[in-house]
């Protein structure tokens, strides 16, 4: 099992089927919080749905198109961060993430995101990392802002979220900027 220790409280692990119950319980306990910005919540009704998601992430990992990691805070599952499909031709990737509402405001996601960006540039040798956030999702937008991403623009009606469209703000970081910013 892959593990990455970020600090004494935060650990990243590749998702395994054995994590399905704790991931599902986290989603189920904060559906309203997550549903505001994430389209998968209503489709995650059972532990089996969560297992299907985990199986999909394993296929993503095996096909070398990215991976998803669970975030554990003080030994308790707290959220997920992952690469959307890696574009090897253009050496770029987009990062997505969500956090259980009980763990918001503890800098957990900022630290996890920083680790993922660093891994993208230093291990995967990518040139560009992108993060897209709902225009009014200020907590999510704060993360790329804190770690030095450039705000690159707005994509109108970028995502259908249950009953309405959401605009996305695009943030970008290039490999040479990441090196200079450290």
N, C-alpha and C. Protein backbone atom coordinates (compact mmCIF):
# COMPACT_ATOMS: atom_id res chain seq x y z
N UNK A 1 0.85 -1.19 0.00
CA UNK A 1 0.00 0.00 0.00
C UNK A 1 0.88 1.24 0.00
N UNK A 2 0.61 2.15 -0.90
CA UNK A 2 1.33 3.41 -0.99
C UNK A 2 0.88 4.35 0.12
N UNK A 3 1.86 4.93 0.81
CA UNK A 3 1.57 5.95 1.82
C UNK A 3 2.55 7.09 1.64
N UNK A 4 2.07 8.29 1.90
CA UNK A 4 2.92 9.47 1.85
C UNK A 4 2.63 10.28 3.11
N UNK A 5 3.62 10.40 3.96
CA UNK A 5 3.46 11.18 5.18
C UNK A 5 3.75 12.64 4.85
N UNK A 6 2.78 13.50 5.10
CA UNK A 6 2.97 14.93 4.86
C UNK A 6 3.51 15.61 6.11
N UNK A 7 2.92 15.31 7.25
CA UNK A 7 3.41 15.80 8.53
C UNK A 7 2.94 14.84 9.61
N UNK A 8 3.11 15.19 10.86
CA UNK A 8 2.75 14.27 11.94
C UNK A 8 1.26 13.96 12.00
N UNK A 9 0.42 14.75 11.33
CA UNK A 9 -1.03 14.55 11.37
C UNK A 9 -1.64 14.11 10.04
N UNK A 10 -0.96 14.34 8.93
CA UNK A 10 -1.57 14.13 7.61
C UNK A 10 -0.82 13.07 6.82
N UNK A 11 -1.59 12.13 6.30
CA UNK A 11 -1.03 11.04 5.50
C UNK A 11 -1.90 10.84 4.26
N UNK A 12 -1.26 10.60 3.13
CA UNK A 12 -1.97 10.28 1.89
C UNK A 12 -1.79 8.80 1.61
N UNK A 13 -2.87 8.15 1.15
CA UNK A 13 -2.81 6.74 0.78
C UNK A 13 -3.57 6.53 -0.51
N UNK A 14 -3.03 5.68 -1.40
CA UNK A 14 -3.79 5.28 -2.58
C UNK A 14 -5.07 4.60 -2.10
N UNK A 15 -6.15 4.84 -2.81
CA UNK A 15 -7.43 4.28 -2.39
C UNK A 15 -7.47 2.77 -2.62
N UNK A 16 -7.97 2.07 -1.63
CA UNK A 16 -8.13 0.62 -1.67
C UNK A 16 -9.58 0.29 -1.35
N UNK A 17 -10.04 -0.85 -1.79
CA UNK A 17 -11.42 -1.28 -1.53
C UNK A 17 -11.71 -1.31 -0.03
N UNK A 18 -10.71 -1.60 0.76
CA UNK A 18 -10.91 -1.64 2.21
C UNK A 18 -11.26 -0.27 2.80
N UNK A 19 -11.04 0.80 2.03
CA UNK A 19 -11.37 2.15 2.49
C UNK A 19 -12.82 2.54 2.20
N UNK A 20 -13.54 1.71 1.45
CA UNK A 20 -14.87 2.09 0.95
C UNK A 20 -15.82 2.51 2.07
N UNK A 21 -15.85 1.78 3.13
CA UNK A 21 -16.82 2.09 4.20
C UNK A 21 -16.53 3.44 4.84
N UNK A 22 -15.27 3.71 5.16
CA UNK A 22 -14.98 5.00 5.80
C UNK A 22 -15.15 6.17 4.83
N UNK A 23 -14.86 5.97 3.55
CA UNK A 23 -15.11 7.03 2.58
C UNK A 23 -16.60 7.29 2.45
N UNK A 24 -17.38 6.21 2.33
CA UNK A 24 -18.83 6.37 2.22
C UNK A 24 -19.40 7.07 3.46
N UNK A 25 -18.97 6.68 4.62
CA UNK A 25 -19.48 7.31 5.86
C UNK A 25 -19.16 8.80 5.88
N UNK A 26 -17.99 9.17 5.40
CA UNK A 26 -17.61 10.57 5.34
C UNK A 26 -18.54 11.33 4.39
N UNK A 27 -18.74 10.78 3.20
CA UNK A 27 -19.63 11.42 2.23
C UNK A 27 -21.04 11.53 2.80
N UNK A 28 -21.50 10.45 3.37
CA UNK A 28 -22.86 10.40 3.89
C UNK A 28 -23.07 11.38 5.05
N UNK A 29 -22.04 11.60 5.83
CA UNK A 29 -22.18 12.48 7.00
C UNK A 29 -22.19 13.97 6.64
N UNK A 30 -21.74 14.29 5.44
CA UNK A 30 -21.69 15.73 5.07
C UNK A 30 -22.17 15.96 3.64
N UNK A 31 -23.24 15.28 3.29
CA UNK A 31 -23.79 15.39 1.93
C UNK A 31 -24.11 16.83 1.54
N UNK A 32 -24.75 17.57 2.39
CA UNK A 32 -25.13 18.95 2.04
C UNK A 32 -23.89 19.80 1.78
N UNK A 33 -22.89 19.64 2.61
CA UNK A 33 -21.63 20.37 2.45
C UNK A 33 -20.99 20.04 1.10
N UNK A 34 -20.88 18.77 0.77
CA UNK A 34 -20.23 18.34 -0.46
C UNK A 34 -21.08 18.62 -1.69
N UNK A 35 -22.37 18.46 -1.56
CA UNK A 35 -23.28 18.60 -2.70
C UNK A 35 -23.26 20.02 -3.28
N UNK A 36 -22.94 20.99 -2.48
CA UNK A 36 -22.93 22.36 -2.97
C UNK A 36 -21.98 22.54 -4.16
N UNK A 37 -20.88 21.76 -4.19
CA UNK A 37 -19.88 21.95 -5.24
C UNK A 37 -19.50 20.70 -6.00
N UNK A 38 -19.98 19.53 -5.59
CA UNK A 38 -19.52 18.29 -6.22
C UNK A 38 -20.67 17.50 -6.83
N UNK A 39 -20.53 17.10 -8.10
CA UNK A 39 -21.63 16.44 -8.79
C UNK A 39 -21.82 14.96 -8.46
N UNK A 40 -20.88 14.32 -7.78
CA UNK A 40 -20.97 12.89 -7.55
C UNK A 40 -21.79 12.49 -6.33
N UNK A 41 -22.15 13.43 -5.48
CA UNK A 41 -22.72 13.11 -4.18
C UNK A 41 -24.03 12.33 -4.29
N UNK A 42 -24.94 12.77 -5.13
CA UNK A 42 -26.23 12.08 -5.24
C UNK A 42 -26.08 10.68 -5.83
N UNK A 43 -25.04 10.44 -6.59
CA UNK A 43 -24.80 9.12 -7.16
C UNK A 43 -24.06 8.17 -6.23
N UNK A 44 -23.68 8.67 -5.07
CA UNK A 44 -22.98 7.84 -4.09
C UNK A 44 -23.96 7.52 -2.96
N UNK A 45 -24.76 6.47 -3.18
CA UNK A 45 -25.84 6.14 -2.24
C UNK A 45 -25.52 4.95 -1.36
N UNK A 46 -24.50 4.18 -1.74
CA UNK A 46 -24.17 2.96 -0.98
C UNK A 46 -22.66 2.78 -0.92
N UNK A 47 -22.26 1.86 -0.08
CA UNK A 47 -20.84 1.49 -0.02
C UNK A 47 -20.42 0.88 -1.36
N UNK A 48 -21.33 0.16 -2.00
CA UNK A 48 -21.03 -0.42 -3.31
C UNK A 48 -20.70 0.65 -4.34
N UNK A 49 -21.43 1.77 -4.30
CA UNK A 49 -21.11 2.89 -5.20
C UNK A 49 -19.70 3.39 -4.96
N UNK A 50 -19.32 3.45 -3.70
CA UNK A 50 -17.97 3.90 -3.34
C UNK A 50 -16.93 2.90 -3.82
N UNK A 51 -17.23 1.61 -3.71
CA UNK A 51 -16.31 0.58 -4.21
C UNK A 51 -16.11 0.71 -5.71
N UNK A 52 -17.18 1.03 -6.44
CA UNK A 52 -17.06 1.22 -7.90
C UNK A 52 -16.14 2.39 -8.20
N UNK A 53 -16.27 3.48 -7.43
CA UNK A 53 -15.37 4.62 -7.61
C UNK A 53 -13.92 4.20 -7.35
N UNK A 54 -13.70 3.47 -6.29
CA UNK A 54 -12.34 3.03 -5.97
C UNK A 54 -11.79 2.14 -7.08
N UNK A 55 -12.62 1.24 -7.61
CA UNK A 55 -12.19 0.39 -8.73
C UNK A 55 -11.78 1.25 -9.93
N UNK A 56 -12.55 2.31 -10.20
CA UNK A 56 -12.22 3.21 -11.29
C UNK A 56 -10.86 3.88 -11.04
N UNK A 57 -10.59 4.26 -9.79
CA UNK A 57 -9.31 4.91 -9.49
C UNK A 57 -8.15 3.93 -9.65
N UNK A 58 -8.39 2.67 -9.35
CA UNK A 58 -7.35 1.65 -9.55
C UNK A 58 -7.04 1.49 -11.04
N UNK A 59 -8.09 1.50 -11.87
CA UNK A 59 -7.89 1.41 -13.32
C UNK A 59 -7.12 2.62 -13.83
N UNK A 60 -7.43 3.79 -13.28
CA UNK A 60 -6.72 5.01 -13.66
C UNK A 60 -5.23 4.86 -13.33
N UNK A 61 -4.93 4.34 -12.15
CA UNK A 61 -3.55 4.16 -11.72
C UNK A 61 -2.81 3.17 -12.63
N UNK A 62 -3.44 2.03 -12.89
CA UNK A 62 -2.82 0.99 -13.71
C UNK A 62 -2.58 1.48 -15.14
N UNK A 63 -3.48 2.30 -15.68
CA UNK A 63 -3.33 2.80 -17.04
C UNK A 63 -2.38 4.01 -17.12
N UNK A 64 -1.78 4.39 -15.99
CA UNK A 64 -0.82 5.49 -15.93
C UNK A 64 -1.43 6.82 -16.39
N UNK A 65 -2.71 7.01 -16.01
CA UNK A 65 -3.36 8.27 -16.38
C UNK A 65 -3.68 9.12 -15.16
N UNK A 66 -3.03 8.81 -14.03
CA UNK A 66 -3.22 9.58 -12.82
C UNK A 66 -3.56 8.68 -11.65
N UNK A 67 -3.82 9.31 -10.51
CA UNK A 67 -4.24 8.53 -9.34
C UNK A 67 -4.96 9.42 -8.35
N UNK A 68 -5.68 8.75 -7.45
CA UNK A 68 -6.44 9.42 -6.40
C UNK A 68 -5.90 8.94 -5.06
N UNK A 69 -5.80 9.85 -4.12
CA UNK A 69 -5.34 9.48 -2.78
C UNK A 69 -6.36 9.90 -1.74
N UNK A 70 -6.53 9.02 -0.78
CA UNK A 70 -7.31 9.40 0.39
C UNK A 70 -6.41 10.21 1.31
N UNK A 71 -7.03 11.10 2.05
CA UNK A 71 -6.31 11.92 3.02
C UNK A 71 -6.76 11.48 4.41
N UNK A 72 -5.78 11.11 5.23
CA UNK A 72 -6.08 10.75 6.61
C UNK A 72 -5.49 11.81 7.53
N UNK A 73 -6.31 12.27 8.44
CA UNK A 73 -5.89 13.29 9.41
C UNK A 73 -5.97 12.66 10.79
N UNK A 74 -4.84 12.57 11.46
CA UNK A 74 -4.75 11.92 12.77
C UNK A 74 -5.38 10.53 12.72
N UNK A 75 -5.14 9.82 11.63
CA UNK A 75 -5.60 8.45 11.47
C UNK A 75 -7.04 8.28 11.01
N UNK A 76 -7.75 9.38 10.77
CA UNK A 76 -9.16 9.32 10.35
C UNK A 76 -9.28 9.83 8.92
N UNK A 77 -10.07 9.14 8.11
CA UNK A 77 -10.27 9.58 6.73
C UNK A 77 -10.88 10.98 6.73
N UNK A 78 -10.30 11.88 5.90
CA UNK A 78 -10.75 13.28 5.88
C UNK A 78 -11.14 13.78 4.50
N UNK A 79 -10.72 13.12 3.42
CA UNK A 79 -11.06 13.60 2.08
C UNK A 79 -10.26 12.89 1.01
N UNK A 80 -10.37 13.43 -0.20
CA UNK A 80 -9.68 12.84 -1.35
C UNK A 80 -9.05 13.96 -2.18
N UNK A 81 -7.88 13.66 -2.69
CA UNK A 81 -7.21 14.53 -3.66
C UNK A 81 -6.70 13.63 -4.77
N UNK A 82 -6.75 14.13 -6.00
CA UNK A 82 -6.27 13.29 -7.08
C UNK A 82 -6.01 14.06 -8.35
N UNK A 83 -5.34 13.37 -9.25
CA UNK A 83 -5.10 13.90 -10.58
C UNK A 83 -6.26 13.47 -11.47
N UNK A 84 -6.83 14.41 -12.18
CA UNK A 84 -7.72 14.03 -13.27
C UNK A 84 -6.79 13.46 -14.33
N UNK A 85 -7.28 13.01 -15.41
CA UNK A 85 -6.47 12.34 -16.42
C UNK A 85 -5.20 13.14 -16.77
N UNK A 86 -4.05 12.48 -16.63
CA UNK A 86 -2.78 13.10 -17.01
C UNK A 86 -2.71 13.18 -18.53
N UNK A 87 -2.37 14.34 -19.03
CA UNK A 87 -2.17 14.55 -20.46
C UNK A 87 -0.66 14.47 -20.71
N UNK A 88 -0.20 13.26 -21.04
CA UNK A 88 1.23 13.03 -21.21
C UNK A 88 1.78 13.76 -22.43
N UNK A 89 0.98 13.92 -23.48
CA UNK A 89 1.45 14.63 -24.68
C UNK A 89 1.80 16.07 -24.37
N UNK A 90 0.97 16.72 -23.56
CA UNK A 90 1.20 18.12 -23.23
C UNK A 90 1.84 18.32 -21.86
N UNK A 91 2.15 17.20 -21.19
CA UNK A 91 2.81 17.22 -19.88
C UNK A 91 2.05 18.10 -18.90
N UNK A 92 0.73 17.82 -18.80
CA UNK A 92 -0.11 18.61 -17.90
C UNK A 92 -1.13 17.73 -17.20
N UNK A 93 -1.65 18.27 -16.10
CA UNK A 93 -2.65 17.56 -15.31
C UNK A 93 -3.49 18.58 -14.56
N UNK A 94 -4.67 18.15 -14.20
CA UNK A 94 -5.55 18.95 -13.36
C UNK A 94 -5.74 18.21 -12.04
N UNK A 95 -5.78 18.95 -10.95
CA UNK A 95 -5.97 18.36 -9.63
C UNK A 95 -7.38 18.66 -9.15
N UNK A 96 -8.01 17.65 -8.57
CA UNK A 96 -9.31 17.82 -7.94
C UNK A 96 -9.23 17.36 -6.49
N UNK A 97 -10.11 17.90 -5.66
CA UNK A 97 -10.07 17.55 -4.24
C UNK A 97 -11.38 17.85 -3.55
N UNK A 98 -11.60 17.15 -2.44
CA UNK A 98 -12.71 17.47 -1.54
C UNK A 98 -12.33 17.07 -0.13
N UNK A 99 -12.95 17.75 0.81
CA UNK A 99 -12.63 17.53 2.22
C UNK A 99 -13.92 17.43 3.02
N UNK A 100 -13.97 16.46 3.91
CA UNK A 100 -15.08 16.33 4.87
C UNK A 100 -15.17 17.64 5.65
N UNK A 101 -16.37 18.13 5.84
CA UNK A 101 -16.54 19.45 6.47
C UNK A 101 -15.95 19.54 7.88
N UNK A 102 -15.78 18.41 8.56
CA UNK A 102 -15.20 18.44 9.91
C UNK A 102 -13.73 18.83 9.90
N UNK A 103 -13.09 18.78 8.72
CA UNK A 103 -11.66 19.02 8.64
C UNK A 103 -11.29 20.30 7.88
N UNK A 104 -12.29 21.04 7.48
CA UNK A 104 -12.05 22.30 6.78
C UNK A 104 -11.41 23.30 7.73
N UNK A 105 -10.46 24.09 7.23
CA UNK A 105 -9.84 25.13 8.03
C UNK A 105 -8.61 24.69 8.81
N UNK A 106 -8.13 23.48 8.58
CA UNK A 106 -6.96 22.96 9.31
C UNK A 106 -5.71 22.92 8.43
N UNK A 107 -5.78 23.51 7.23
CA UNK A 107 -4.69 23.54 6.26
C UNK A 107 -4.34 22.16 5.71
N UNK A 108 -5.22 21.19 5.93
CA UNK A 108 -4.99 19.83 5.45
C UNK A 108 -4.90 19.81 3.93
N UNK A 109 -5.90 20.39 3.26
CA UNK A 109 -5.93 20.32 1.80
C UNK A 109 -4.83 21.16 1.18
N UNK A 110 -4.49 22.27 1.79
CA UNK A 110 -3.40 23.09 1.26
C UNK A 110 -2.10 22.29 1.26
N UNK A 111 -1.84 21.57 2.34
CA UNK A 111 -0.61 20.76 2.42
C UNK A 111 -0.66 19.59 1.44
N UNK A 112 -1.82 18.94 1.34
CA UNK A 112 -1.95 17.81 0.41
C UNK A 112 -1.78 18.29 -1.03
N UNK A 113 -2.38 19.42 -1.34
CA UNK A 113 -2.29 19.97 -2.69
C UNK A 113 -0.85 20.35 -3.03
N UNK A 114 -0.17 20.96 -2.10
CA UNK A 114 1.23 21.32 -2.31
C UNK A 114 2.05 20.06 -2.63
N UNK A 115 1.80 18.98 -1.92
CA UNK A 115 2.51 17.71 -2.15
C UNK A 115 2.20 17.18 -3.55
N UNK A 116 0.94 17.26 -3.97
CA UNK A 116 0.55 16.77 -5.29
C UNK A 116 1.18 17.60 -6.40
N UNK A 117 1.25 18.89 -6.21
CA UNK A 117 1.88 19.76 -7.22
C UNK A 117 3.37 19.42 -7.30
N UNK A 118 4.01 19.31 -6.17
CA UNK A 118 5.43 18.99 -6.13
C UNK A 118 5.70 17.64 -6.82
N UNK A 119 4.85 16.65 -6.56
CA UNK A 119 5.00 15.33 -7.17
C UNK A 119 4.82 15.42 -8.70
N UNK A 120 3.85 16.20 -9.13
CA UNK A 120 3.60 16.35 -10.58
C UNK A 120 4.84 16.89 -11.29
N UNK A 121 5.48 17.88 -10.69
CA UNK A 121 6.64 18.49 -11.34
C UNK A 121 7.92 17.68 -11.14
N UNK A 122 8.16 17.21 -9.95
CA UNK A 122 9.44 16.58 -9.64
C UNK A 122 9.50 15.09 -9.92
N UNK A 123 8.37 14.40 -9.85
CA UNK A 123 8.37 12.96 -10.08
C UNK A 123 7.80 12.59 -11.45
N UNK A 124 6.68 13.21 -11.81
CA UNK A 124 6.07 12.91 -13.10
C UNK A 124 6.67 13.74 -14.23
N UNK A 125 7.45 14.77 -13.87
CA UNK A 125 8.12 15.64 -14.85
C UNK A 125 7.13 16.34 -15.78
N UNK A 126 5.99 16.74 -15.22
CA UNK A 126 5.00 17.49 -15.99
C UNK A 126 5.40 18.95 -16.04
N UNK A 127 4.80 19.69 -16.96
CA UNK A 127 5.11 21.11 -17.11
C UNK A 127 4.03 22.02 -16.55
N UNK A 128 2.80 21.52 -16.49
CA UNK A 128 1.68 22.38 -16.09
C UNK A 128 0.74 21.62 -15.16
N UNK A 129 0.32 22.30 -14.09
CA UNK A 129 -0.72 21.79 -13.20
C UNK A 129 -1.82 22.83 -13.15
N UNK A 130 -3.03 22.36 -13.29
CA UNK A 130 -4.20 23.23 -13.29
C UNK A 130 -5.15 22.82 -12.17
N UNK A 131 -5.80 23.81 -11.59
CA UNK A 131 -6.86 23.57 -10.62
C UNK A 131 -8.04 24.43 -11.04
N UNK A 132 -9.20 23.79 -11.15
CA UNK A 132 -10.42 24.53 -11.47
C UNK A 132 -11.35 24.47 -10.27
N UNK A 133 -11.91 25.63 -9.92
CA UNK A 133 -12.79 25.72 -8.76
C UNK A 133 -14.06 26.46 -9.16
N UNK A 134 -15.16 26.09 -8.52
CA UNK A 134 -16.39 26.84 -8.72
C UNK A 134 -16.15 28.31 -8.40
N UNK A 135 -16.70 29.17 -9.23
CA UNK A 135 -16.45 30.61 -9.08
C UNK A 135 -16.75 31.13 -7.68
N UNK A 136 -17.79 30.63 -7.06
CA UNK A 136 -18.15 31.11 -5.72
C UNK A 136 -17.70 30.17 -4.60
N UNK A 137 -16.89 29.19 -4.94
CA UNK A 137 -16.36 28.27 -3.92
C UNK A 137 -15.05 28.86 -3.38
N UNK A 138 -15.19 29.83 -2.53
CA UNK A 138 -14.04 30.60 -2.05
C UNK A 138 -13.07 29.78 -1.22
N UNK A 139 -13.57 28.80 -0.47
CA UNK A 139 -12.66 27.96 0.32
C UNK A 139 -11.78 27.12 -0.59
N UNK A 140 -12.36 26.58 -1.64
CA UNK A 140 -11.58 25.79 -2.59
C UNK A 140 -10.61 26.67 -3.37
N UNK A 141 -11.06 27.84 -3.75
CA UNK A 141 -10.20 28.77 -4.51
C UNK A 141 -9.02 29.26 -3.67
N UNK A 142 -9.19 29.30 -2.37
CA UNK A 142 -8.11 29.79 -1.49
C UNK A 142 -6.87 28.89 -1.57
N UNK A 143 -7.06 27.63 -1.88
CA UNK A 143 -5.94 26.68 -1.89
C UNK A 143 -4.93 27.01 -2.99
N UNK A 144 -5.33 27.08 -4.26
CA UNK A 144 -4.32 27.44 -5.27
C UNK A 144 -3.76 28.85 -5.06
N UNK A 145 -4.58 29.74 -4.53
CA UNK A 145 -4.08 31.09 -4.26
C UNK A 145 -2.98 31.06 -3.21
N UNK A 146 -3.16 30.26 -2.15
CA UNK A 146 -2.16 30.18 -1.08
C UNK A 146 -0.84 29.59 -1.54
N UNK A 147 -0.89 28.69 -2.51
CA UNK A 147 0.36 28.03 -2.91
C UNK A 147 0.94 28.61 -4.20
N UNK A 148 0.47 29.79 -4.57
CA UNK A 148 1.14 30.56 -5.62
C UNK A 148 0.67 30.35 -7.05
N UNK A 149 -0.47 29.71 -7.26
CA UNK A 149 -0.98 29.55 -8.62
C UNK A 149 -1.42 30.90 -9.17
N UNK A 150 -1.39 31.03 -10.48
CA UNK A 150 -1.90 32.21 -11.16
C UNK A 150 -3.35 31.98 -11.54
N UNK A 151 -4.18 32.98 -11.30
CA UNK A 151 -5.55 32.91 -11.78
C UNK A 151 -5.53 33.23 -13.26
N UNK A 152 -5.99 32.28 -14.08
CA UNK A 152 -5.86 32.41 -15.52
C UNK A 152 -7.15 32.80 -16.23
N UNK A 153 -8.27 32.62 -15.57
CA UNK A 153 -9.50 33.01 -16.25
C UNK A 153 -10.72 32.31 -15.73
N UNK A 154 -11.83 32.61 -16.40
CA UNK A 154 -13.13 32.09 -16.03
C UNK A 154 -13.67 31.27 -17.20
N UNK A 155 -14.19 30.08 -16.90
CA UNK A 155 -14.87 29.28 -17.90
C UNK A 155 -16.36 29.33 -17.55
N UNK A 156 -17.14 29.92 -18.43
CA UNK A 156 -18.57 30.08 -18.17
C UNK A 156 -19.30 28.75 -18.33
N UNK A 157 -20.27 28.52 -17.43
CA UNK A 157 -21.09 27.31 -17.48
C UNK A 157 -20.23 26.05 -17.66
N UNK A 158 -19.18 25.95 -16.90
CA UNK A 158 -18.21 24.85 -17.05
C UNK A 158 -18.73 23.51 -16.56
N UNK A 159 -19.66 23.54 -15.62
CA UNK A 159 -20.10 22.27 -15.02
C UNK A 159 -21.59 22.33 -14.68
N UNK A 160 -22.28 21.25 -15.02
CA UNK A 160 -23.68 21.10 -14.65
C UNK A 160 -23.72 20.50 -13.25
N UNK A 161 -24.29 21.20 -12.32
CA UNK A 161 -24.33 20.76 -10.92
C UNK A 161 -25.78 20.61 -10.49
N UNK A 162 -26.33 19.42 -10.73
CA UNK A 162 -27.68 19.01 -10.33
C UNK A 162 -28.79 19.75 -11.07
N UNK A 163 -28.88 21.06 -10.91
CA UNK A 163 -29.99 21.80 -11.53
C UNK A 163 -29.57 23.16 -12.08
N UNK A 164 -28.25 23.39 -12.14
CA UNK A 164 -27.75 24.67 -12.64
C UNK A 164 -26.30 24.52 -13.10
N UNK A 165 -25.87 25.48 -13.90
CA UNK A 165 -24.48 25.51 -14.33
C UNK A 165 -23.65 26.32 -13.34
N UNK A 166 -22.38 25.95 -13.24
CA UNK A 166 -21.43 26.65 -12.38
C UNK A 166 -20.26 27.10 -13.24
N UNK A 167 -19.89 28.35 -13.09
CA UNK A 167 -18.68 28.86 -13.73
C UNK A 167 -17.46 28.34 -12.97
N UNK A 168 -16.38 28.13 -13.67
CA UNK A 168 -15.13 27.71 -13.03
C UNK A 168 -14.07 28.80 -13.18
N UNK A 169 -13.30 28.99 -12.14
CA UNK A 169 -12.09 29.80 -12.19
C UNK A 169 -10.93 28.83 -12.42
N UNK A 170 -10.07 29.15 -13.37
CA UNK A 170 -8.94 28.29 -13.70
C UNK A 170 -7.68 28.89 -13.09
N UNK A 171 -6.95 28.06 -12.37
CA UNK A 171 -5.66 28.43 -11.80
C UNK A 171 -4.59 27.55 -12.43
N UNK A 172 -3.43 28.12 -12.72
CA UNK A 172 -2.36 27.35 -13.33
C UNK A 172 -1.01 27.60 -12.68
N UNK A 173 -0.18 26.59 -12.75
CA UNK A 173 1.20 26.67 -12.27
C UNK A 173 2.06 25.93 -13.28
N UNK A 174 3.19 26.53 -13.65
CA UNK A 174 4.14 25.91 -14.55
C UNK A 174 5.35 25.42 -13.75
N UNK A 175 6.02 24.42 -14.28
CA UNK A 175 7.13 23.81 -13.57
C UNK A 175 8.20 24.81 -13.20
N UNK A 176 8.58 25.70 -14.13
CA UNK A 176 9.64 26.67 -13.81
C UNK A 176 9.18 27.68 -12.76
N UNK A 177 7.90 27.97 -12.69
CA UNK A 177 7.37 28.86 -11.65
C UNK A 177 7.43 28.18 -10.29
N UNK A 178 7.14 26.89 -10.26
CA UNK A 178 7.15 26.15 -9.00
C UNK A 178 8.56 26.12 -8.41
N UNK A 179 9.55 25.90 -9.27
CA UNK A 179 10.95 25.87 -8.82
C UNK A 179 11.35 27.24 -8.28
N UNK A 180 10.99 28.31 -9.00
CA UNK A 180 11.34 29.65 -8.57
C UNK A 180 10.63 30.06 -7.28
N UNK A 181 9.40 29.55 -7.11
CA UNK A 181 8.60 29.95 -5.96
C UNK A 181 8.97 29.25 -4.66
N UNK A 182 9.81 28.24 -4.73
CA UNK A 182 10.16 27.49 -3.52
C UNK A 182 11.20 28.20 -2.70
